């Protein structure tokens, strides 16, 4: 540290984010910000240890005075966060925030963590799985520290269940993985002789903890009403109609919709090639006439000519970058169409995705076919 350029630091931080289990698209966005920051610093002859380098870069790039700006726009805050990450990493060697603070095991339990990580690697688990196991084990060991557990042999059923309950409240979607990681960790400790008995049977079964909230089940009439209510006279309508139509037709995740690139649309072959952000698995979708016309109408007649990013769907005002989510768009369009949200279940883009799968199952499609159409969920 202290002798590396911004470019070198950016490469290291991107690698570290991957090891910590950050999402692929998050790492991609950070990497783009790192490269732009490093390029500016090199052109200006600036060094990462220069005082005020982040402030100077933000003011140069966006033309804003941070001293007089009470609440900078979100896109400015995103870039500033990425730049400060490099500065923080240069000074400490760690990623700022919860990943550097909450994913370090207490000192007394670190030898056990190293044994567990070695076992995971020897078993040939994928890097993503090893990263998830590491994060879950660190959370569990930090929980033991807070509970005053001196050794792993002192772990009780109540201590384990309290940990599972806390993790379920904070991240219900990850609870199955957390339970599996905790059970594997305790089983490994017994196999390695750290504990004199196998504590893994004390871990509760995942069926006691629902892994995700309920999603609104859309009826065909509601989907039709929503789409027909989106006026396509202006750019916003053309964009929003095409985005909602993609989800309602193919059951795509919203991350795959906002991350769809212009090069992914095969006009000649009438095919849309999607590389799923969540799984990294490619998926080729046949482009229907309705989807093709909606995409063409947006790209030719609605997409801002100032937008130079490779993504299909962009903002309508400066900066003309890619969208980050479509939940706000869907909620606004639902309100305009008088489609009522479910009072209990979630009514976001993912609910539309699940409704596509439900409709296919009702039509007699097999589970493997549905899994493929739903982008391998």
Protein backbone atom coordinates (compact mmCIF):
# COMPACT_ATOMS: atom_id res chain seq x y z
CA UNK A 1 0.00 0.00 0.00
CA UNK A 2 1.09 3.59 -0.50
CA UNK A 3 3.12 2.90 -3.68
CA UNK A 4 0.46 1.63 -6.07
CA UNK A 5 -1.29 3.63 -8.74
CA UNK A 6 -5.04 4.07 -8.85
CA UNK A 7 -5.22 1.64 -11.73
CA UNK A 8 -3.41 -1.05 -9.75
CA UNK A 9 -5.59 -0.42 -6.71
CA UNK A 10 -8.70 -0.69 -8.87
CA UNK A 11 -7.67 -4.13 -10.14
CA UNK A 12 -7.02 -5.33 -6.58
CA UNK A 13 -10.31 -3.99 -5.25
CA UNK A 14 -12.31 -5.60 -8.09
CA UNK A 15 -10.68 -8.93 -7.27
CA UNK A 16 -11.38 -8.46 -3.57
CA UNK A 17 -15.05 -7.62 -4.21
CA UNK A 18 -15.35 -10.89 -6.12
CA UNK A 19 -13.85 -12.81 -3.19
CA UNK A 20 -16.33 -11.17 -0.81
CA UNK A 21 -19.27 -12.32 -2.90
CA UNK A 22 -20.47 -9.01 -4.35
CA UNK A 23 -22.90 -9.37 -7.27
CA UNK A 24 -21.38 -9.46 -10.75
CA UNK A 25 -23.13 -6.33 -11.95
CA UNK A 26 -22.09 -4.45 -8.78
CA UNK A 27 -18.45 -5.37 -9.40
CA UNK A 28 -18.84 -4.34 -13.03
CA UNK A 29 -20.17 -0.89 -12.10
CA UNK A 30 -17.43 -0.35 -9.52
CA UNK A 31 -14.81 -1.41 -12.06
CA UNK A 32 -16.08 1.14 -14.58
CA UNK A 33 -15.90 3.92 -11.97
CA UNK A 34 -12.39 2.83 -10.93
CA UNK A 35 -11.13 2.98 -14.52
CA UNK A 36 -12.60 6.43 -15.15
CA UNK A 37 -11.16 7.76 -11.87
CA UNK A 38 -7.71 6.28 -12.59
CA UNK A 39 -7.73 7.64 -16.15
CA UNK A 40 -8.51 11.17 -14.92
CA UNK A 41 -5.87 10.99 -12.18
CA UNK A 42 -3.23 9.86 -14.68
CA UNK A 43 -4.11 12.66 -17.11
CA UNK A 44 -3.88 15.18 -14.28
CA UNK A 45 -0.70 13.73 -12.84
CA UNK A 46 -2.43 13.20 -9.52
CA UNK A 47 -1.68 10.53 -6.91
CA UNK A 48 -4.18 8.67 -4.75
CA UNK A 49 -2.58 10.12 -1.64
CA UNK A 50 -3.09 13.69 -2.86
CA UNK A 51 -5.33 15.66 -0.54
CA UNK A 52 -8.81 16.25 -1.91
CA UNK A 53 -8.38 14.08 -5.01
CA UNK A 54 -11.87 12.60 -4.75
CA UNK A 55 -13.47 16.00 -4.29
CA UNK A 56 -11.56 17.45 -7.25
CA UNK A 57 -12.55 14.54 -9.47
CA UNK A 58 -16.25 14.76 -8.57
CA UNK A 59 -16.36 18.51 -9.11
CA UNK A 60 -14.52 18.14 -12.44
CA UNK A 61 -16.71 15.32 -13.71
CA UNK A 62 -20.12 16.62 -12.69
CA UNK A 63 -19.49 20.35 -12.40
CA UNK A 64 -20.94 20.53 -8.88
CA UNK A 65 -19.71 22.35 -5.81
CA UNK A 66 -19.89 19.77 -3.03
CA UNK A 67 -19.62 22.46 -0.33
CA UNK A 68 -22.80 24.19 -1.50
CA UNK A 69 -24.65 21.02 -2.53
CA UNK A 70 -26.88 20.01 0.40
CA UNK A 71 -27.83 16.63 -1.08
CA UNK A 72 -25.84 15.54 -4.15
CA UNK A 73 -27.75 13.46 -6.74
CA UNK A 74 -27.62 9.69 -6.35
CA UNK A 75 -25.36 9.17 -9.38
CA UNK A 76 -22.82 11.60 -7.88
CA UNK A 77 -22.92 9.75 -4.57
CA UNK A 78 -22.35 6.43 -6.36
CA UNK A 79 -19.20 7.69 -8.06
CA UNK A 80 -17.93 9.33 -4.88
CA UNK A 81 -18.49 6.07 -2.96
CA UNK A 82 -16.44 4.15 -5.52
CA UNK A 83 -13.59 6.68 -5.42
CA UNK A 84 -13.48 6.70 -1.63
CA UNK A 85 -13.35 2.91 -1.69
CA UNK A 86 -10.01 3.11 -3.49
CA UNK A 87 -8.67 5.71 -1.05
CA UNK A 88 -9.82 3.65 1.94
CA UNK A 89 -8.30 0.47 0.50
CA UNK A 90 -5.00 2.25 -0.15
CA UNK A 91 -4.86 3.34 3.50
CA UNK A 92 -6.13 0.18 5.23
CA UNK A 93 -6.02 -2.71 2.78
CA UNK A 94 -9.72 -3.40 3.43
CA UNK A 95 -13.04 -2.75 1.72
CA UNK A 96 -15.02 -0.14 3.68
CA UNK A 97 -18.38 -0.92 5.23
CA UNK A 98 -19.98 -4.10 6.40
CA UNK A 99 -17.82 -6.35 4.26
CA UNK A 100 -14.64 -5.36 6.09
CA UNK A 101 -16.22 -5.20 9.54
CA UNK A 102 -18.80 -7.99 9.59
CA UNK A 103 -16.89 -10.68 7.69
CA UNK A 104 -13.85 -11.00 9.99
CA UNK A 105 -14.04 -13.86 12.48
CA UNK A 106 -13.07 -13.11 16.10
CA UNK A 107 -9.42 -13.91 16.82
CA UNK A 108 -10.16 -16.91 19.02
CA UNK A 109 -12.16 -18.61 16.24
CA UNK A 110 -9.93 -17.82 13.25
CA UNK A 111 -8.01 -21.15 13.36
CA UNK A 112 -11.36 -22.97 13.13
CA UNK A 113 -12.40 -20.76 10.21
CA UNK A 114 -9.15 -21.55 8.38
CA UNK A 115 -9.78 -25.29 8.86
CA UNK A 116 -13.28 -24.90 7.44
CA UNK A 117 -12.10 -22.89 4.42
CA UNK A 118 -9.39 -25.45 3.71
CA UNK A 119 -11.97 -28.21 3.81
CA UNK A 120 -14.26 -26.33 1.40
CA UNK A 121 -11.42 -25.84 -1.09
CA UNK A 122 -10.30 -29.48 -0.83
CA UNK A 123 -13.84 -30.62 -1.61
CA UNK A 124 -13.70 -28.69 -4.89
CA UNK A 125 -16.48 -26.20 -4.14
CA UNK A 126 -16.85 -23.30 -6.56
CA UNK A 127 -15.31 -19.90 -5.64
CA UNK A 128 -18.81 -18.42 -5.22
CA UNK A 129 -19.81 -21.22 -2.84
CA UNK A 130 -16.60 -20.88 -0.84
CA UNK A 131 -17.17 -17.12 -0.59
CA UNK A 132 -20.71 -17.66 0.70
CA UNK A 133 -19.56 -20.28 3.22
CA UNK A 134 -16.84 -17.91 4.44
CA UNK A 135 -19.30 -15.05 4.95
CA UNK A 136 -21.82 -17.25 6.78
CA UNK A 137 -19.14 -18.82 9.00
CA UNK A 138 -17.81 -15.38 9.94
CA UNK A 139 -21.33 -14.24 10.85
CA UNK A 140 -21.87 -17.35 12.97
CA UNK A 141 -18.55 -17.00 14.79
CA UNK A 142 -19.19 -13.29 15.42
CA UNK A 143 -22.57 -14.31 16.87
CA UNK A 144 -20.83 -16.75 19.24
CA UNK A 145 -18.51 -13.96 20.35
CA UNK A 146 -21.45 -11.67 21.14
CA UNK A 147 -23.17 -14.47 23.05
CA UNK A 148 -20.08 -15.03 25.19
CA UNK A 149 -19.43 -18.57 23.93
CA UNK A 150 -15.84 -19.38 24.88
CA UNK A 151 -15.25 -22.49 22.71
CA UNK A 152 -17.06 -24.25 19.90
CA UNK A 153 -17.72 -27.16 22.22
CA UNK A 154 -19.93 -24.88 24.32
CA UNK A 155 -22.35 -24.18 21.46
CA UNK A 156 -25.95 -25.09 22.34
CA UNK A 157 -29.14 -25.52 20.35
CA UNK A 158 -30.53 -22.22 21.69
CA UNK A 159 -27.43 -20.31 20.56
CA UNK A 160 -27.70 -21.77 17.05
CA UNK A 161 -31.43 -21.13 16.75
CA UNK A 162 -31.02 -17.52 17.87
CA UNK A 163 -28.42 -17.02 15.15
CA UNK A 164 -30.73 -18.51 12.51
CA UNK A 165 -33.66 -16.36 13.64
CA UNK A 166 -31.54 -13.19 13.46
CA UNK A 167 -30.24 -14.02 10.00
CA UNK A 168 -33.75 -14.90 8.79
CA UNK A 169 -35.03 -11.52 9.92
CA UNK A 170 -32.23 -9.64 8.16
CA UNK A 171 -31.96 -11.75 4.98
CA UNK A 172 -34.79 -14.26 4.48
CA UNK A 173 -33.74 -15.00 0.92
CA UNK A 174 -30.35 -16.33 2.09
CA UNK A 175 -31.57 -18.43 5.01
CA UNK A 176 -31.27 -21.79 3.23
CA UNK A 177 -27.63 -21.07 2.41
CA UNK A 178 -26.96 -19.82 5.95
CA UNK A 179 -28.40 -22.97 7.50
CA UNK A 180 -26.46 -25.19 5.12
CA UNK A 181 -23.20 -23.32 5.79
CA UNK A 182 -23.68 -23.49 9.56
CA UNK A 183 -24.42 -27.21 9.45
CA UNK A 184 -21.37 -27.87 7.24
CA UNK A 185 -19.17 -25.78 9.52
CA UNK A 186 -20.17 -27.68 12.67
CA UNK A 187 -19.83 -31.02 10.90
CA UNK A 188 -16.32 -30.02 9.77
CA UNK A 189 -15.35 -29.03 13.31
CA UNK A 190 -16.25 -32.51 14.54
CA UNK A 191 -14.38 -34.18 11.67
CA UNK A 192 -11.29 -32.07 12.40
CA UNK A 193 -11.39 -32.88 16.11
CA UNK A 194 -12.17 -29.33 17.23
CA UNK A 195 -15.34 -30.53 19.00
CA UNK A 196 -15.80 -33.88 20.71
CA UNK A 197 -19.31 -34.38 19.29
CA UNK A 198 -21.13 -33.55 16.09
CA UNK A 199 -23.19 -30.41 16.69
CA UNK A 200 -24.63 -30.20 13.16
CA UNK A 201 -27.90 -31.99 14.12
CA UNK A 202 -28.64 -29.03 16.40
CA UNK A 203 -29.06 -26.74 13.37
CA UNK A 204 -32.80 -26.31 12.59
CA UNK A 205 -34.22 -27.40 9.25
CA UNK A 206 -34.66 -24.76 6.57
CA UNK A 207 -38.37 -25.62 6.19
CA UNK A 208 -39.11 -23.78 9.43
CA UNK A 209 -38.02 -20.49 7.89
CA UNK A 210 -39.61 -19.33 4.61
CA UNK A 211 -36.85 -18.20 2.30
CA UNK A 212 -38.74 -15.44 0.52
CA UNK A 213 -41.85 -13.29 0.96
CA UNK A 214 -44.95 -14.07 -1.03
CA UNK A 215 -45.23 -12.52 -4.47
CA UNK A 216 -48.39 -11.10 -6.01
CA UNK A 217 -49.95 -13.51 -8.49
CA UNK A 218 -50.94 -11.52 -11.55
CA UNK A 219 -54.01 -12.50 -13.52
CA UNK A 220 -53.90 -12.35 -17.35
CA UNK A 221 -56.43 -9.50 -17.23
CA UNK A 222 -54.19 -7.48 -14.90
CA UNK A 223 -51.17 -7.95 -17.16
CA UNK A 224 -53.23 -6.97 -20.20
CA UNK A 225 -54.64 -3.92 -18.41
CA UNK A 226 -51.18 -2.82 -17.32
CA UNK A 227 -49.68 -3.07 -20.81
CA UNK A 228 -52.63 -1.44 -22.58
CA UNK A 229 -52.57 1.49 -20.14
CA UNK A 230 -48.99 2.46 -21.01
CA UNK A 231 -49.24 5.15 -23.66
CA UNK A 232 -46.46 4.97 -26.23
CA UNK A 233 -46.73 8.51 -27.54
CA UNK A 234 -43.64 9.69 -25.64
CA UNK A 235 -40.20 8.23 -24.90
CA UNK A 236 -41.11 7.23 -21.35
CA UNK A 237 -44.07 5.20 -22.55
CA UNK A 238 -42.06 3.47 -25.28
CA UNK A 239 -39.35 2.50 -22.79
CA UNK A 240 -41.64 1.41 -19.98
CA UNK A 241 -43.86 -0.63 -22.30
CA UNK A 242 -40.90 -2.52 -23.74
CA UNK A 243 -39.46 -3.25 -20.28
CA UNK A 244 -42.72 -4.52 -18.79
CA UNK A 245 -43.43 -6.55 -21.93
CA UNK A 246 -40.05 -8.31 -21.65
CA UNK A 247 -40.78 -9.40 -18.08
CA UNK A 248 -44.38 -10.40 -18.84
CA UNK A 249 -43.37 -12.36 -21.95
CA UNK A 250 -40.20 -14.14 -20.88
CA UNK A 251 -40.22 -13.95 -17.09
CA UNK A 252 -36.84 -12.19 -17.06
CA UNK A 253 -35.36 -10.83 -13.86
CA UNK A 254 -35.34 -7.05 -13.67
CA UNK A 255 -31.52 -7.14 -13.52
CA UNK A 256 -31.46 -8.92 -16.88
CA UNK A 257 -33.85 -6.35 -18.36
CA UNK A 258 -31.96 -3.25 -17.24
CA UNK A 259 -28.68 -4.98 -18.13
CA UNK A 260 -29.78 -5.95 -21.65
CA UNK A 261 -27.26 -4.67 -24.20
CA UNK A 262 -27.92 -3.50 -27.75
CA UNK A 263 -25.60 -6.19 -29.09
CA UNK A 264 -27.77 -8.87 -27.45
CA UNK A 265 -30.66 -8.25 -29.85
CA UNK A 266 -30.38 -10.36 -33.00
CA UNK A 267 -32.66 -8.59 -35.44
CA UNK A 268 -31.81 -10.93 -38.31
CA UNK A 269 -32.20 -14.11 -36.28
CA UNK A 270 -35.20 -12.80 -34.26
CA UNK A 271 -33.44 -13.80 -31.05
CA UNK A 272 -32.48 -12.13 -27.79
CA UNK A 273 -29.32 -13.44 -26.13
CA UNK A 274 -29.29 -12.84 -22.39
CA UNK A 275 -26.45 -13.64 -20.01
CA UNK A 276 -28.13 -13.84 -16.64
CA UNK A 277 -26.60 -11.49 -14.12
CA UNK A 278 -27.44 -13.72 -11.18
CA UNK A 279 -26.16 -17.03 -12.53
CA UNK A 280 -23.93 -16.06 -15.47
CA UNK A 281 -25.75 -18.65 -17.60
CA UNK A 282 -26.51 -17.61 -21.22
CA UNK A 283 -30.08 -17.89 -22.44
CA UNK A 284 -31.32 -17.50 -26.04
CA UNK A 285 -34.92 -16.29 -26.30
CA UNK A 286 -37.03 -16.25 -29.48
CA UNK A 287 -38.07 -12.66 -30.16
CA UNK A 288 -41.81 -12.40 -30.72
CA UNK A 289 -43.19 -9.84 -33.16
CA UNK A 290 -44.74 -7.81 -30.36
CA UNK A 291 -41.48 -7.68 -28.41
CA UNK A 292 -39.49 -6.89 -31.55
CA UNK A 293 -41.71 -3.97 -32.52
CA UNK A 294 -41.70 -2.61 -28.96
CA UNK A 295 -37.89 -2.72 -28.78
CA UNK A 296 -37.50 -1.18 -32.22
CA UNK A 297 -39.95 1.62 -31.39
CA UNK A 298 -38.03 2.50 -28.23
CA UNK A 299 -34.55 2.28 -29.76
CA UNK A 300 -35.40 4.22 -32.94
CA UNK A 301 -37.94 6.72 -31.66
CA UNK A 302 -37.49 7.02 -27.90
CA UNK A 303 -33.94 6.25 -26.78
CA UNK A 304 -32.02 9.54 -26.27
CA UNK A 305 -29.43 10.07 -29.02
CA UNK A 306 -27.06 11.38 -26.33
CA UNK A 307 -26.97 7.94 -24.68
CA UNK A 308 -23.64 6.32 -25.57
CA UNK A 309 -23.77 3.39 -23.12
CA UNK A 310 -24.21 -0.12 -24.57
CA UNK A 311 -27.45 -0.81 -22.70
CA UNK A 312 -30.86 -0.87 -24.36
CA UNK A 313 -32.78 0.92 -21.61
CA UNK A 314 -31.43 4.25 -20.41
CA UNK A 315 -32.43 7.32 -18.46
CA UNK A 316 -34.39 9.96 -20.34
CA UNK A 317 -32.44 12.90 -18.90
CA UNK A 318 -28.79 13.60 -18.22
CA UNK A 319 -26.76 11.68 -17.33
CA UNK A 320 -28.02 9.34 -20.05
CA UNK A 321 -26.75 6.19 -18.41
CA UNK A 322 -28.28 2.77 -17.86
CA UNK A 323 -31.14 2.23 -15.44
CA UNK A 324 -30.39 0.45 -12.17
CA UNK A 325 -33.87 -0.98 -11.45
CA UNK A 326 -37.42 -0.98 -12.77
CA UNK A 327 -39.43 -1.37 -9.56
CA UNK A 328 -40.26 2.34 -9.42
CA UNK A 329 -41.39 2.30 -13.05
CA UNK A 330 -43.65 -0.70 -12.47
CA UNK A 331 -45.25 0.80 -9.36
CA UNK A 332 -45.96 4.05 -11.16
CA UNK A 333 -47.50 2.25 -14.12
CA UNK A 334 -49.59 0.02 -11.83
CA UNK A 335 -51.03 3.09 -10.12
CA UNK A 336 -51.87 4.68 -13.47
CA UNK A 337 -53.56 1.48 -14.65
CA UNK A 338 -55.46 1.11 -11.35
CA UNK A 339 -53.95 -2.36 -10.83
CA UNK A 340 -54.06 -2.88 -7.09
CA UNK A 341 -50.93 -4.13 -5.33
CA UNK A 342 -51.33 -7.11 -3.03
CA UNK A 343 -51.74 -5.91 0.59
CA UNK A 344 -49.49 -8.72 1.85
CA UNK A 345 -47.35 -10.06 -1.00
CA UNK A 346 -44.74 -8.12 -2.93
CA UNK A 347 -45.88 -6.65 -6.25
CA UNK A 348 -42.55 -5.83 -7.87
CA UNK A 349 -41.06 -7.03 -11.18
CA UNK A 350 -40.24 -10.39 -9.62
CA UNK A 351 -43.94 -11.04 -9.04
CA UNK A 352 -44.52 -10.72 -12.80
CA UNK A 353 -41.70 -13.21 -13.36
CA UNK A 354 -43.32 -15.76 -11.06
CA UNK A 355 -46.70 -15.24 -12.70
CA UNK A 356 -45.18 -16.26 -16.04
CA UNK A 357 -43.96 -19.51 -14.48
CA UNK A 358 -47.34 -20.14 -12.86
CA UNK A 359 -49.13 -19.62 -16.16
CA UNK A 360 -46.78 -22.01 -17.96
CA UNK A 361 -47.29 -24.66 -15.29
CA UNK A 362 -51.06 -24.28 -15.55
CA UNK A 363 -50.74 -24.78 -19.32
CA UNK A 364 -49.01 -28.12 -18.72
CA UNK A 365 -45.34 -27.15 -19.22
CA UNK A 366 -42.79 -29.31 -17.44
CA UNK A 367 -40.54 -27.96 -14.69
CA UNK A 368 -37.32 -28.19 -16.82
CA UNK A 369 -39.01 -26.20 -19.58
CA UNK A 370 -40.22 -23.58 -17.11
CA UNK A 371 -36.76 -23.33 -15.55
CA UNK A 372 -35.23 -22.68 -18.95
CA UNK A 373 -37.88 -20.11 -19.92
CA UNK A 374 -37.57 -18.39 -16.59
CA UNK A 375 -33.82 -17.98 -17.15
CA UNK A 376 -32.87 -20.92 -14.97
CA UNK A 377 -34.17 -19.73 -11.65
